[in-house]
Protein backbone atom coordinates (compact mmCIF):
# COMPACT_ATOMS: atom_id res chain seq x y z
CA MET A 1 33.59 -3.38 107.25
CA TRP A 2 37.01 -2.01 107.40
CA THR A 3 38.34 -3.19 110.68
CA LYS A 4 42.19 -3.24 111.28
CA LYS A 5 42.33 -7.13 110.23
CA ASN A 6 40.35 -6.16 107.14
CA ARG A 7 42.67 -3.19 106.27
CA GLY A 8 45.74 -5.41 106.79
CA ARG A 9 44.39 -8.19 104.40
CA TYR A 10 43.88 -5.42 101.69
CA ASP A 11 46.76 -3.53 102.06
CA ARG A 12 48.73 -3.21 98.95
CA SER A 13 51.43 -0.48 99.95
CA ARG A 14 54.23 -2.95 99.99
CA LEU A 15 53.60 -3.99 96.41
CA ARG A 16 55.36 -2.32 93.55
CA TYR A 17 52.08 -1.47 91.77
CA PRO A 18 48.52 -1.91 93.25
CA SER A 19 47.55 -4.18 90.61
CA ASP A 20 50.54 -6.65 91.34
CA LEU A 21 49.45 -10.05 92.78
CA THR A 22 49.89 -10.83 96.53
CA ASP A 23 51.52 -14.18 97.30
CA GLU A 24 47.89 -15.35 98.48
CA GLU A 25 46.63 -14.20 95.04
CA TRP A 26 49.48 -15.70 93.18
CA ALA A 27 48.81 -19.12 95.11
CA LEU A 28 45.26 -18.89 93.34
CA VAL A 29 46.21 -18.15 90.09
CA GLU A 30 49.34 -20.13 89.50
CA PRO A 31 47.57 -23.72 89.18
CA LEU A 32 45.50 -22.30 86.28
CA ILE A 33 48.64 -21.30 84.30
CA ALA A 34 49.62 -24.08 81.72
CA PRO A 35 53.11 -25.55 82.11
CA ALA A 36 55.59 -24.80 79.45
CA LYS A 37 55.37 -26.83 76.11
CA ARG A 38 57.52 -29.95 75.90
CA GLY A 39 60.52 -29.51 73.43
CA GLY A 40 61.98 -26.23 72.23
CA ASN A 41 63.41 -23.70 74.25
CA LYS A 42 62.95 -23.35 78.19
CA ARG A 43 60.51 -20.83 79.39
CA THR A 44 62.65 -17.82 80.29
CA VAL A 45 60.01 -15.48 81.39
CA ASP A 46 58.64 -15.16 85.05
CA VAL A 47 54.95 -15.88 84.58
CA ARG A 48 53.90 -14.17 87.71
CA GLU A 49 55.56 -11.00 86.17
CA VAL A 50 53.50 -11.67 83.23
CA VAL A 51 50.43 -11.91 84.96
CA ASN A 52 51.35 -8.69 86.84
CA GLY A 53 51.73 -7.00 83.51
CA LEU A 54 48.40 -8.26 82.54
CA MET A 55 46.85 -6.98 85.74
CA TYR A 56 48.60 -3.61 85.30
CA VAL A 57 47.05 -3.14 81.90
CA LEU A 58 43.57 -4.40 82.98
CA SER A 59 43.57 -2.18 86.15
CA THR A 60 44.90 1.14 84.48
CA GLY A 61 43.64 0.83 81.31
CA CYS A 62 47.04 2.00 79.56
CA GLN A 63 47.99 1.19 76.28
CA TRP A 64 50.16 -1.74 75.73
CA ARG A 65 53.00 0.29 74.92
CA ALA A 66 52.70 2.16 78.18
CA ILE A 67 53.56 -0.88 80.01
CA PRO A 68 56.18 -0.01 82.74
CA LYS A 69 60.04 -1.05 81.95
CA ASP A 70 60.35 -2.80 85.05
CA LEU A 71 57.62 -5.54 83.84
CA PRO A 72 58.17 -7.83 80.81
CA PRO A 73 58.15 -6.60 77.37
CA ARG A 74 54.77 -5.86 76.07
CA SER A 75 54.97 -8.16 73.41
CA THR A 76 55.45 -11.05 75.76
CA VAL A 77 52.69 -9.78 77.94
CA HIS A 78 50.46 -9.37 74.86
CA ASP A 79 51.34 -12.85 73.53
CA TYR A 80 50.32 -14.42 76.85
CA PHE A 81 47.13 -12.37 76.80
CA ASP A 82 46.47 -13.70 73.31
CA LEU A 83 46.55 -17.19 74.66
CA ALA A 84 43.47 -16.81 76.47
CA ASN A 85 40.72 -18.91 75.73
CA ARG A 86 37.92 -17.58 73.42
CA GLU A 87 34.88 -18.77 72.01
CA PRO A 88 35.62 -20.36 68.81
CA SER A 89 32.71 -19.22 66.78
CA PRO A 90 31.99 -15.53 66.27
CA SER A 91 29.40 -13.83 68.59
CA ALA A 92 28.25 -11.62 65.59
CA ALA A 93 28.24 -11.49 61.93
CA ILE A 94 27.49 -8.97 59.20
CA ILE A 95 25.55 -10.03 56.23
CA ASP A 96 24.97 -7.27 53.53
CA SER A 97 22.65 -7.49 50.50
CA GLN A 98 25.79 -8.30 48.26
CA SER A 99 26.71 -11.18 50.31
CA VAL A 100 23.38 -12.62 49.97
CA LYS A 101 22.82 -12.27 46.22
CA SER A 102 26.35 -13.68 45.75
CA ALA A 103 25.56 -16.70 48.02
CA GLU A 104 22.49 -17.31 46.17
CA LYS A 105 24.41 -17.96 42.79
CA GLY A 106 25.76 -20.75 44.40
CA GLY A 107 29.06 -21.52 46.34
CA ARG A 108 32.22 -20.22 47.50
CA GLY A 109 33.98 -19.60 44.11
CA LEU A 110 31.03 -17.67 42.38
CA THR A 111 30.81 -15.60 45.63
CA ARG A 112 34.29 -14.04 45.35
CA MET A 113 33.85 -13.71 41.51
CA ALA A 114 30.50 -11.72 42.27
CA THR A 115 32.24 -9.57 44.60
CA MET A 116 35.20 -8.52 42.34
CA ARG A 117 35.13 -5.80 39.83
CA GLU A 118 35.02 -6.66 36.48
CA ARG A 119 38.56 -6.28 34.62
CA ARG A 120 39.02 -4.98 31.23
CA SER A 121 42.07 -5.43 29.07
CA ARG A 122 44.28 -2.32 28.86
CA ALA A 123 44.05 -2.66 24.89
CA ARG A 124 40.28 -2.46 25.06
CA ASN A 125 40.37 0.68 27.44
CA ALA A 126 42.95 2.48 25.15
CA THR A 127 41.80 5.46 23.06
CA SER A 128 43.42 5.86 19.77
């Protein structure tokens, strides 16, 4: 129910974008973010701003190149997005009849040879 207390809790008018994390939300998310890797250069990006960029893309559905200029560069935001854990094995596969035939002939090397077009020398194809 929308009471004055609940309205205050969900008020996002003081944020830059409605998708930005509040301090309470950031307190929940921050422990889940991996620390910077040892060695190499120091992390120069504000990770909270990167998360705000991710939330902006996810909440608005905008294209990566349409991320506002006051958020980190799209390449940085996308790189952090790309670090998200994924299932290591594929969830779907497509097998066509050609793949099955070449696999039956035996082995990986033959699969490649079976799927390649036959090559002919230029001398054989030349007309006199």
